[in-house]
Amino acid sequence: MAEPMFDPLAAELRNVIEQADPIPDSVLAAAKASFVWRTVDAELAELVTDSLLTASSIRSGSAARLLTFEGPGVEVEVEVADIGATRRLTGQLVPVAAATVVVRWSGGSVEAQADELGRFSVAEVPAGAVSLAITSTVDGAARSIVTSWVSI
């Protein structure tokens, strides 16, 4: 979205400020690090099963990878399918519940909604390390869960 009619003026002012008084690298690093605290109260669901690591993982290259994360009173099952250079994640929350699921990676994130049966799907996730942040309401109280990071 373009800025209002002062777009060229705003761009010039931004340029002057960035050259005259740039933001110190330490301030940028601290600002980025502060985002970790958004989920400090979340419960951790750790990876307990990865079909890639099982003894019976001799399978065709087209088979989907299955991941299971477990935390206190919750399980997150995720199927990872390779779609060229990206991945499609299809998941199930146990116990079932509607929730907001955010798939996070180093360069960004994407949000999806899990339906009332706990099912969700996210396409075009870049290959690499990902983590899921899940927010649901259980008995009227908000509940946050984050999965450990895993490379897909």
Protein backbone atom coordinates (compact mmCIF):
# COMPACT_ATOMS: atom_id res chain seq x y z
CA MET A 1 0.00 0.00 0.00
CA ALA A 2 1.42 3.38 -1.02
CA GLU A 3 1.74 6.20 1.46
CA PRO A 4 -0.53 9.25 1.05
CA MET A 5 0.26 12.09 -1.35
CA PHE A 6 3.49 12.89 0.54
CA ASP A 7 5.08 9.60 -0.55
CA PRO A 8 8.15 11.18 -2.25
CA LEU A 9 8.65 13.56 0.67
CA ALA A 10 8.28 10.77 3.25
CA ALA A 11 10.76 8.61 1.34
CA GLU A 12 13.29 11.45 1.23
CA LEU A 13 12.87 12.18 4.95
CA ARG A 14 13.26 8.49 5.78
CA ASN A 15 16.46 8.38 3.72
CA VAL A 16 17.91 11.46 5.47
CA ILE A 17 17.10 10.08 8.92
CA GLU A 18 18.58 6.66 8.11
CA GLN A 19 21.83 8.29 6.94
CA ALA A 20 22.08 10.91 9.70
CA ASP A 21 21.04 8.75 12.65
CA PRO A 22 20.87 5.03 11.77
CA ILE A 23 19.42 2.55 14.23
CA PRO A 24 22.31 0.83 16.07
CA ASP A 25 22.74 -2.87 15.33
CA SER A 26 22.44 -3.69 19.03
CA VAL A 27 19.01 -2.02 19.18
CA LEU A 28 17.82 -3.98 16.13
CA ALA A 29 19.13 -7.24 17.63
CA ALA A 30 17.39 -6.52 20.96
CA ALA A 31 14.12 -5.70 19.21
CA LYS A 32 14.21 -8.94 17.23
CA ALA A 33 15.12 -10.96 20.33
CA SER A 34 12.17 -9.51 22.24
CA PHE A 35 9.75 -11.39 19.99
CA VAL A 36 10.78 -14.62 21.75
CA TRP A 37 9.01 -13.37 24.88
CA ARG A 38 5.61 -13.43 23.13
CA THR A 39 5.38 -17.17 23.80
CA VAL A 40 7.28 -17.43 27.09
CA ASP A 41 4.11 -18.60 28.89
CA ALA A 42 3.33 -21.23 26.26
CA GLU A 43 3.58 -24.90 27.08
CA LEU A 44 6.19 -26.82 25.07
CA ALA A 45 5.15 -29.76 22.93
CA GLU A 46 8.30 -31.74 22.18
CA LEU A 47 8.94 -33.92 19.15
CA VAL A 48 8.41 -37.54 20.22
CA THR A 49 8.03 -39.30 16.86
CA ASP A 50 9.56 -38.61 13.46
CA SER A 51 8.96 -41.16 10.71
CA LEU A 52 12.23 -40.06 9.09
CA LEU A 53 14.15 -41.40 12.10
CA THR A 54 12.37 -44.71 12.65
CA ALA A 55 13.98 -48.01 11.76
CA SER A 56 11.26 -48.63 9.18
CA SER A 57 11.98 -45.35 7.42
CA ILE A 58 12.99 -47.14 4.25
CA ARG A 59 10.16 -45.81 2.14
CA SER A 60 9.61 -44.19 -1.19
CA GLY A 61 10.75 -40.59 -1.63
CA SER A 62 7.15 -39.54 -2.29
CA ALA A 63 5.80 -40.71 1.08
CA ALA A 64 4.85 -37.96 3.52
CA ARG A 65 6.85 -37.50 6.70
CA LEU A 66 4.91 -37.89 9.95
CA LEU A 67 5.77 -35.91 13.09
CA THR A 68 4.20 -36.16 16.54
CA PHE A 69 4.68 -33.54 19.23
CA GLU A 70 3.51 -34.12 22.82
CA GLY A 71 3.04 -31.68 25.67
CA PRO A 72 1.05 -31.59 28.90
CA GLY A 73 -2.39 -32.84 27.89
CA VAL A 74 -1.90 -32.18 24.17
CA GLU A 75 -0.66 -33.95 21.06
CA VAL A 76 0.03 -32.36 17.68
CA GLU A 77 0.27 -34.71 14.72
CA VAL A 78 1.72 -33.26 11.52
CA GLU A 79 2.13 -34.73 8.05
CA VAL A 80 4.84 -33.02 5.97
CA ALA A 81 4.60 -33.38 2.19
CA ASP A 82 7.33 -32.17 -0.17
CA ILE A 83 5.95 -29.91 -2.89
CA GLY A 84 9.06 -28.97 -4.88
CA ALA A 85 11.13 -26.54 -2.81
CA THR A 86 8.30 -25.98 -0.30
CA ARG A 87 6.36 -28.14 2.13
CA ARG A 88 2.68 -28.63 2.92
CA LEU A 89 1.85 -29.28 6.58
CA THR A 90 -1.41 -31.02 7.41
CA GLY A 91 -2.12 -31.51 11.08
CA GLN A 92 -4.45 -32.70 13.81
CA LEU A 93 -4.72 -31.44 17.38
CA VAL A 94 -5.54 -33.94 20.13
CA PRO A 95 -7.76 -33.32 22.02
CA VAL A 96 -9.72 -31.81 19.18
CA ALA A 97 -10.39 -28.08 19.37
CA ALA A 98 -10.64 -25.06 17.14
CA ALA A 99 -7.40 -23.09 17.33
CA THR A 100 -5.12 -20.64 15.62
CA VAL A 101 -1.97 -22.32 14.30
CA VAL A 102 1.05 -20.23 13.32
CA VAL A 103 3.81 -22.01 11.42
CA ARG A 104 7.05 -20.11 12.05
CA TRP A 105 10.41 -20.22 10.27
CA SER A 106 13.47 -17.97 10.26
CA GLY A 107 12.20 -15.75 7.44
CA GLY A 108 8.56 -15.42 8.45
CA SER A 109 5.38 -17.18 9.44
CA VAL A 110 1.91 -18.07 8.21
CA GLU A 111 -1.31 -18.38 10.20
CA ALA A 112 -4.01 -20.99 9.71
CA GLN A 113 -7.19 -21.91 11.56
CA ALA A 114 -7.73 -25.41 12.94
CA ASP A 115 -11.39 -26.36 12.62
CA GLU A 116 -13.59 -27.63 15.47
CA LEU A 117 -12.13 -31.11 14.87
CA GLY A 118 -8.58 -29.80 15.32
CA ARG A 119 -7.59 -30.16 11.66
CA PHE A 120 -5.39 -27.63 9.86
CA SER A 121 -3.37 -27.32 6.67
CA VAL A 122 -0.64 -24.89 5.60
CA ALA A 123 0.93 -24.84 2.14
CA GLU A 124 4.10 -23.27 0.76
CA VAL A 125 6.20 -23.49 3.90
CA PRO A 126 9.89 -23.16 2.98
CA ALA A 127 12.17 -26.12 3.69
CA GLY A 128 14.21 -25.65 6.87
CA ALA A 129 13.59 -25.31 10.59
CA VAL A 130 9.96 -24.70 11.64
CA SER A 131 7.96 -24.51 14.84
CA LEU A 132 4.22 -24.31 15.43
CA ALA A 133 2.59 -21.88 17.86
CA ILE A 134 -0.97 -22.92 18.73
CA THR A 135 -3.52 -20.83 20.58
CA SER A 136 -6.88 -22.25 21.62
CA THR A 137 -9.54 -21.66 24.23
CA VAL A 138 -10.15 -24.50 26.68
CA ASP A 139 -12.96 -24.10 29.22
CA GLY A 140 -13.00 -20.34 28.61
CA ALA A 141 -9.26 -19.91 29.21
CA ALA A 142 -6.70 -19.19 26.49
CA ARG A 143 -4.07 -21.88 26.09
CA SER A 144 -0.78 -21.45 24.19
CA ILE A 145 1.38 -24.31 23.00
CA VAL A 146 4.58 -24.15 20.97
CA THR A 147 6.32 -27.09 19.39
CA SER A 148 10.03 -27.65 19.45
CA TRP A 149 11.84 -26.65 16.25
CA VAL A 150 12.28 -29.34 13.63
CA SER A 151 13.91 -29.32 10.22
CA ILE A 152 11.58 -30.22 7.37
